[in-house]
Amino acid sequence: SMGWYRQAPGKQRELVAGMSGSGSTNYA
């Protein structure tokens, strides 16, 4: 399974997109 996160200056790291082991996806 996987996810992409991002962190802008002065901000917390946030989840941008994820994919589970079954292939389902979720997005910010």
PDB file of all heavy atoms in Angstrom:
ATOM      1  N   SER A   1       0.856  -1.189   0.000  1.00  0.00           N
ATOM      2  CA  SER A   1       0.000   0.000   0.000  1.00  0.00           C
ATOM      3  C   SER A   1       0.888   1.234   0.000  1.00  0.00           C
ATOM      4  O   SER A   1       2.073   1.156   0.324  1.00  0.00           O
ATOM      5  CB  SER A   1      -0.940   0.008   1.196  1.00  0.00           C
ATOM      6  OG  SER A   1      -0.212   0.056   2.403  1.00  0.00           O
ATOM      7  N   MET A   2       0.288   2.368  -0.380  1.00  0.00           N
ATOM      8  CA  MET A   2       1.145   3.533  -0.583  1.00  0.00           C
ATOM      9  C   MET A   2       0.396   4.824  -0.322  1.00  0.00           C
ATOM     10  O   MET A   2      -0.847   4.848  -0.339  1.00  0.00           O
ATOM     11  CB  MET A   2       1.645   3.533  -2.019  1.00  0.00           C
ATOM     12  CG  MET A   2       0.519   3.783  -3.029  1.00  0.00           C
ATOM     13  SD  MET A   2       0.860   3.170  -4.663  1.00  0.00           S
ATOM     14  CE  MET A   2       0.445   1.458  -4.436  1.00  0.00           C
ATOM     15  N   GLY A   3       1.146   5.869  -0.112  1.00  0.00           N
ATOM     16  CA  GLY A   3       0.555   7.189   0.020  1.00  0.00           C
ATOM     17  C   GLY A   3       1.560   8.240  -0.389  1.00  0.00           C
ATOM     18  O   GLY A   3       2.765   8.027  -0.326  1.00  0.00           O
ATOM     19  N   TRP A   4       1.022   9.339  -0.857  1.00  0.00           N
ATOM     20  CA  TRP A   4       1.842  10.522  -1.127  1.00  0.00           C
ATOM     21  C   TRP A   4       1.418  11.620  -0.153  1.00  0.00           C
ATOM     22  O   TRP A   4       0.212  11.882  -0.005  1.00  0.00           O
ATOM     23  CB  TRP A   4       1.648  11.005  -2.573  1.00  0.00           C
ATOM     24  CG  TRP A   4       2.351  10.181  -3.592  1.00  0.00           C
ATOM     25  CD1 TRP A   4       1.830   9.164  -4.337  1.00  0.00           C
ATOM     26  CD2 TRP A   4       3.720  10.304  -3.980  1.00  0.00           C
ATOM     27  NE1 TRP A   4       2.788   8.649  -5.165  1.00  0.00           N
ATOM     28  CE2 TRP A   4       3.958   9.319  -4.967  1.00  0.00           C
ATOM     29  CE3 TRP A   4       4.772  11.133  -3.602  1.00  0.00           C
ATOM     30  CZ2 TRP A   4       5.213   9.162  -5.578  1.00  0.00           C
ATOM     31  CZ3 TRP A   4       6.008  10.968  -4.202  1.00  0.00           C
ATOM     32  CH2 TRP A   4       6.210  10.004  -5.181  1.00  0.00           C
ATOM     33  N   TYR A   5       2.390  12.221   0.478  1.00  0.00           N
ATOM     34  CA  TYR A   5       2.178  13.304   1.428  1.00  0.00           C
ATOM     35  C   TYR A   5       2.921  14.542   0.922  1.00  0.00           C
ATOM     36  O   TYR A   5       3.830  14.435   0.094  1.00  0.00           O
ATOM     37  CB  TYR A   5       2.725  12.926   2.810  1.00  0.00           C
ATOM     38  CG  TYR A   5       1.969  11.828   3.495  1.00  0.00           C
ATOM     39  CD1 TYR A   5       2.085  10.506   3.083  1.00  0.00           C
ATOM     40  CD2 TYR A   5       1.142  12.106   4.584  1.00  0.00           C
ATOM     41  CE1 TYR A   5       1.392   9.489   3.718  1.00  0.00           C
ATOM     42  CE2 TYR A   5       0.454  11.092   5.239  1.00  0.00           C
ATOM     43  CZ  TYR A   5       0.597   9.787   4.800  1.00  0.00           C
ATOM     44  OH  TYR A   5      -0.101   8.797   5.434  1.00  0.00           O
ATOM     45  N   ARG A   6       2.543  15.679   1.463  1.00  0.00           N
ATOM     46  CA  ARG A   6       3.291  16.888   1.143  1.00  0.00           C
ATOM     47  C   ARG A   6       3.376  17.781   2.377  1.00  0.00           C
ATOM     48  O   ARG A   6       2.528  17.726   3.261  1.00  0.00           O
ATOM     49  CB  ARG A   6       2.656  17.653  -0.017  1.00  0.00           C
ATOM     50  CG  ARG A   6       1.298  18.265   0.283  1.00  0.00           C
ATOM     51  CD  ARG A   6       0.711  18.870  -0.996  1.00  0.00           C
ATOM     52  NE  ARG A   6      -0.600  19.471  -0.764  1.00  0.00           N
ATOM     53  CZ  ARG A   6      -1.385  19.910  -1.738  1.00  0.00           C
ATOM     54  NH1 ARG A   6      -0.991  19.830  -3.020  1.00  0.00           N
ATOM     55  NH2 ARG A   6      -2.558  20.455  -1.463  1.00  0.00           N
ATOM     56  N   GLN A   7       4.419  18.587   2.386  1.00  0.00           N
ATOM     57  CA  GLN A   7       4.619  19.513   3.480  1.00  0.00           C
ATOM     58  C   GLN A   7       5.119  20.842   2.924  1.00  0.00           C
ATOM     59  O   GLN A   7       6.194  20.902   2.324  1.00  0.00           O
ATOM     60  CB  GLN A   7       5.610  18.958   4.507  1.00  0.00           C
ATOM     61  CG  GLN A   7       5.706  19.807   5.756  1.00  0.00           C
ATOM     62  CD  GLN A   7       6.409  19.090   6.888  1.00  0.00           C
ATOM     63  OE1 GLN A   7       7.132  18.117   6.674  1.00  0.00           O
ATOM     64  NE2 GLN A   7       6.196  19.549   8.112  1.00  0.00           N
ATOM     65  N   ALA A   8       4.301  21.864   3.117  1.00  0.00           N
ATOM     66  CA  ALA A   8       4.672  23.211   2.706  1.00  0.00           C
ATOM     67  C   ALA A   8       5.343  23.916   3.881  1.00  0.00           C
ATOM     68  O   ALA A   8       5.132  23.540   5.040  1.00  0.00           O
ATOM     69  CB  ALA A   8       3.434  23.980   2.258  1.00  0.00           C
ATOM     70  N   PRO A   9       6.139  24.938   3.612  1.00  0.00           N
ATOM     71  CA  PRO A   9       6.814  25.658   4.706  1.00  0.00           C
ATOM     72  C   PRO A   9       5.827  26.178   5.741  1.00  0.00           C
ATOM     73  O   PRO A   9       4.814  26.792   5.405  1.00  0.00           O
ATOM     74  CB  PRO A   9       7.508  26.813   3.977  1.00  0.00           C
ATOM     75  CG  PRO A   9       7.713  26.323   2.597  1.00  0.00           C
ATOM     76  CD  PRO A   9       6.523  25.457   2.296  1.00  0.00           C
ATOM     77  N   GLY A  10       6.119  25.883   7.005  1.00  0.00           N
ATOM     78  CA  GLY A  10       5.276  26.356   8.080  1.00  0.00           C
ATOM     79  C   GLY A  10       3.988  25.593   8.282  1.00  0.00           C
ATOM     80  O   GLY A  10       3.169  25.967   9.119  1.00  0.00           O
ATOM     81  N   LYS A  11       3.808  24.513   7.518  1.00  0.00           N
ATOM     82  CA  LYS A  11       2.577  23.728   7.624  1.00  0.00           C
ATOM     83  C   LYS A  11       2.894  22.293   7.996  1.00  0.00           C
ATOM     84  O   LYS A  11       4.011  21.819   7.833  1.00  0.00           O
ATOM     85  CB  LYS A  11       1.806  23.775   6.307  1.00  0.00           C
ATOM     86  CG  LYS A  11       1.286  25.159   5.947  1.00  0.00           C
ATOM     87  CD  LYS A  11       0.360  25.086   4.751  1.00  0.00           C
ATOM     88  CE  LYS A  11      -0.236  26.451   4.435  1.00  0.00           C
ATOM     89  NZ  LYS A  11      -1.160  26.399   3.275  1.00  0.00           N
ATOM     90  N   GLN A  12       1.863  21.610   8.473  1.00  0.00           N
ATOM     91  CA  GLN A  12       2.022  20.205   8.812  1.00  0.00           C
ATOM     92  C   GLN A  12       2.008  19.345   7.559  1.00  0.00           C
ATOM     93  O   GLN A  12       1.426  19.711   6.532  1.00  0.00           O
ATOM     94  CB  GLN A  12       0.891  19.767   9.753  1.00  0.00           C
ATOM     95  CG  GLN A  12       0.994  20.329  11.159  1.00  0.00           C
ATOM     96  CD  GLN A  12      -0.020  19.702  12.098  1.00  0.00           C
ATOM     97  OE1 GLN A  12      -1.093  19.278  11.674  1.00  0.00           O
ATOM     98  NE2 GLN A  12       0.322  19.627  13.371  1.00  0.00           N
ATOM     99  N   ARG A  13       2.649  18.198   7.659  1.00  0.00           N
ATOM    100  CA  ARG A  13       2.603  17.240   6.556  1.00  0.00           C
ATOM    101  C   ARG A  13       1.168  16.723   6.420  1.00  0.00           C
ATOM    102  O   ARG A  13       0.520  16.388   7.414  1.00  0.00           O
ATOM    103  CB  ARG A  13       3.568  16.083   6.823  1.00  0.00           C
ATOM    104  CG  ARG A  13       3.788  15.173   5.634  1.00  0.00           C
ATOM    105  CD  ARG A  13       4.901  14.171   5.911  1.00  0.00           C
ATOM    106  NE  ARG A  13       6.196  14.830   6.112  1.00  0.00           N
ATOM    107  CZ  ARG A  13       7.346  14.168   6.192  1.00  0.00           C
ATOM    108  NH1 ARG A  13       7.372  12.847   6.078  1.00  0.00           N
ATOM    109  NH2 ARG A  13       8.473  14.820   6.387  1.00  0.00           N
ATOM    110  N   GLU A  14       0.706  16.648   5.183  1.00  0.00           N
ATOM    111  CA  GLU A  14      -0.660  16.201   4.950  1.00  0.00           C
ATOM    112  C   GLU A  14      -0.692  15.106   3.888  1.00  0.00           C
ATOM    113  O   GLU A  14       0.145  15.082   2.975  1.00  0.00           O
ATOM    114  CB  GLU A  14      -1.543  17.372   4.488  1.00  0.00           C
ATOM    115  CG  GLU A  14      -1.123  18.000   3.175  1.00  0.00           C
ATOM    116  CD  GLU A  14      -2.108  19.043   2.670  1.00  0.00           C
ATOM    117  OE1 GLU A  14      -3.210  19.178   3.225  1.00  0.00           O
ATOM    118  OE2 GLU A  14      -1.756  19.728   1.688  1.00  0.00           O
ATOM    119  N   LEU A  15      -1.691  14.236   4.018  1.00  0.00           N
ATOM    120  CA  LEU A  15      -1.894  13.189   3.023  1.00  0.00           C
ATOM    121  C   LEU A  15      -2.528  13.800   1.783  1.00  0.00           C
ATOM    122  O   LEU A  15      -3.553  14.472   1.861  1.00  0.00           O
ATOM    123  CB  LEU A  15      -2.794  12.091   3.588  1.00  0.00           C
ATOM    124  CG  LEU A  15      -3.159  10.972   2.619  1.00  0.00           C
ATOM    125  CD1 LEU A  15      -1.928  10.156   2.219  1.00  0.00           C
ATOM    126  CD2 LEU A  15      -4.219  10.065   3.239  1.00  0.00           C
ATOM    127  N   VAL A  16      -1.932  13.520   0.645  1.00  0.00           N
ATOM    128  CA  VAL A  16      -2.451  14.000  -0.631  1.00  0.00           C
ATOM    129  C   VAL A  16      -3.262  12.909  -1.325  1.00  0.00           C
ATOM    130  O   VAL A  16      -4.362  13.158  -1.809  1.00  0.00           O
ATOM    131  CB  VAL A  16      -1.288  14.455  -1.542  1.00  0.00           C
ATOM    132  CG1 VAL A  16      -1.797  14.823  -2.933  1.00  0.00           C
ATOM    133  CG2 VAL A  16      -0.534  15.613  -0.918  1.00  0.00           C
ATOM    134  N   ALA A  17      -2.710  11.703  -1.362  1.00  0.00           N
ATOM    135  CA  ALA A  17      -3.380  10.597  -2.046  1.00  0.00           C
ATOM    136  C   ALA A  17      -2.888   9.288  -1.456  1.00  0.00           C
ATOM    137  O   ALA A  17      -1.730   9.183  -1.052  1.00  0.00           O
ATOM    138  CB  ALA A  17      -3.094  10.633  -3.549  1.00  0.00           C
ATOM    139  N   GLY A  18      -3.764   8.291  -1.438  1.00  0.00           N
ATOM    140  CA  GLY A  18      -3.389   6.996  -0.907  1.00  0.00           C
ATOM    141  C   GLY A  18      -4.003   5.883  -1.717  1.00  0.00           C
ATOM    142  O   GLY A  18      -5.034   6.060  -2.380  1.00  0.00           O
ATOM    143  N   MET A  19      -3.356   4.732  -1.701  1.00  0.00           N
ATOM    144  CA  MET A  19      -3.900   3.549  -2.355  1.00  0.00           C
ATOM    145  C   MET A  19      -3.696   2.365  -1.425  1.00  0.00           C
ATOM    146  O   MET A  19      -2.576   2.113  -0.970  1.00  0.00           O
ATOM    147  CB  MET A  19      -3.216   3.277  -3.696  1.00  0.00           C
ATOM    148  CG  MET A  19      -3.723   2.012  -4.389  1.00  0.00           C
ATOM    149  SD  MET A  19      -2.935   1.683  -5.987  1.00  0.00           S
ATOM    150  CE  MET A  19      -3.799   2.861  -7.019  1.00  0.00           C
ATOM    151  N   SER A  20      -4.773   1.636  -1.153  1.00  0.00           N
ATOM    152  CA  SER A  20      -4.700   0.489  -0.262  1.00  0.00           C
ATOM    153  C   SER A  20      -4.178  -0.729  -1.004  1.00  0.00           C
ATOM    154  O   SER A  20      -4.015  -0.730  -2.223  1.00  0.00           O
ATOM    155  CB  SER A  20      -6.084   0.192   0.309  1.00  0.00           C
ATOM    156  OG  SER A  20      -6.911  -0.340  -0.711  1.00  0.00           O
ATOM    157  N   GLY A  21      -3.970  -1.819  -0.252  1.00  0.00           N
ATOM    158  CA  GLY A  21      -3.521  -3.043  -0.878  1.00  0.00           C
ATOM    159  C   GLY A  21      -4.517  -3.626  -1.866  1.00  0.00           C
ATOM    160  O   GLY A  21      -4.137  -4.334  -2.795  1.00  0.00           O
ATOM    161  N   SER A  22      -5.793  -3.300  -1.701  1.00  0.00           N
ATOM    162  CA  SER A  22      -6.829  -3.788  -2.615  1.00  0.00           C
ATOM    163  C   SER A  22      -6.998  -2.896  -3.828  1.00  0.00           C
ATOM    164  O   SER A  22      -7.770  -3.219  -4.730  1.00  0.00           O
ATOM    165  CB  SER A  22      -8.167  -3.887  -1.883  1.00  0.00           C
ATOM    166  OG  SER A  22      -8.601  -2.605  -1.477  1.00  0.00           O
ATOM    167  N   GLY A  23      -6.302  -1.766  -3.817  1.00  0.00           N
ATOM    168  CA  GLY A  23      -6.366  -0.867  -4.964  1.00  0.00           C
ATOM    169  C   GLY A  23      -7.309   0.313  -4.812  1.00  0.00           C
ATOM    170  O   GLY A  23      -7.390   1.145  -5.711  1.00  0.00           O
ATOM    171  N   SER A  24      -8.005   0.387  -3.695  1.00  0.00           N
ATOM    172  CA  SER A  24      -8.891   1.530  -3.509  1.00  0.00           C
ATOM    173  C   SER A  24      -8.056   2.775  -3.239  1.00  0.00           C
ATOM    174  O   SER A  24      -6.991   2.703  -2.632  1.00  0.00           O
ATOM    175  CB  SER A  24      -9.870   1.286  -2.376  1.00  0.00           C
ATOM    176  OG  SER A  24      -9.183   1.090  -1.161  1.00  0.00           O
ATOM    177  N   THR A  25      -8.544   3.900  -3.714  1.00  0.00           N
ATOM    178  CA  THR A  25      -7.797   5.151  -3.603  1.00  0.00           C
ATOM    179  C   THR A  25      -8.583   6.197  -2.812  1.00  0.00           C
ATOM    180  O   THR A  25      -9.816   6.140  -2.731  1.00  0.00           O
ATOM    181  CB  THR A  25      -7.463   5.720  -4.984  1.00  0.00           C
ATOM    182  OG1 THR A  25      -8.679   5.934  -5.708  1.00  0.00           O
ATOM    183  CG2 THR A  25      -6.572   4.775  -5.763  1.00  0.00           C
ATOM    184  N   ASN A  26      -7.859   7.133  -2.262  1.00  0.00           N
ATOM    185  CA  ASN A  26      -8.476   8.276  -1.605  1.00  0.00           C
ATOM    186  C   ASN A  26      -7.601   9.493  -1.836  1.00  0.00           C
ATOM    187  O   ASN A  26      -6.377   9.362  -2.004  1.00  0.00           O
ATOM    188  CB  ASN A  26      -8.670   8.024  -0.109  1.00  0.00           C
ATOM    189  CG  ASN A  26      -7.382   7.786   0.638  1.00  0.00           C
ATOM    190  OD1 ASN A  26      -6.773   6.729   0.508  1.00  0.00           O
ATOM    191  ND2 ASN A  26      -6.942   8.773   1.403  1.00  0.00           N
ATOM    192  N   TYR A  27      -8.238  10.649  -1.892  1.00  0.00           N
ATOM    193  CA  TYR A  27      -7.548  11.886  -2.200  1.00  0.00           C
ATOM    194  C   TYR A  27      -7.986  13.007  -1.261  1.00  0.00           C
ATOM    195  O   TYR A  27      -9.137  13.037  -0.808  1.00  0.00           O
ATOM    196  CB  TYR A  27      -7.858  12.323  -3.646  1.00  0.00           C
ATOM    197  CG  TYR A  27      -7.357  11.373  -4.692  1.00  0.00           C
ATOM    198  CD1 TYR A  27      -8.169  10.333  -5.162  1.00  0.00           C
ATOM    199  CD2 TYR A  27      -6.078  11.490  -5.210  1.00  0.00           C
ATOM    200  CE1 TYR A  27      -7.707   9.450  -6.121  1.00  0.00           C
ATOM    201  CE2 TYR A  27      -5.612  10.610  -6.173  1.00  0.00           C
ATOM    202  CZ  TYR A  27      -6.436   9.593  -6.614  1.00  0.00           C
ATOM    203  OH  TYR A  27      -5.969   8.711  -7.567  1.00  0.00           O
ATOM    204  N   ALA A  28      -7.066  13.911  -1.013  1.00  0.00           N
ATOM    205  CA  ALA A  28      -7.430  15.140  -0.307  1.00  0.00           C
ATOM    206  C   ALA A  28      -8.396  15.921  -1.198  1.00  0.00           C
ATOM    207  O   ALA A  28      -8.274  15.905  -2.427  1.00  0.00           O
ATOM    208  CB  ALA A  28      -6.189  15.964  -0.006  1.00  0.00           C
TER     209      ALA A  28
END
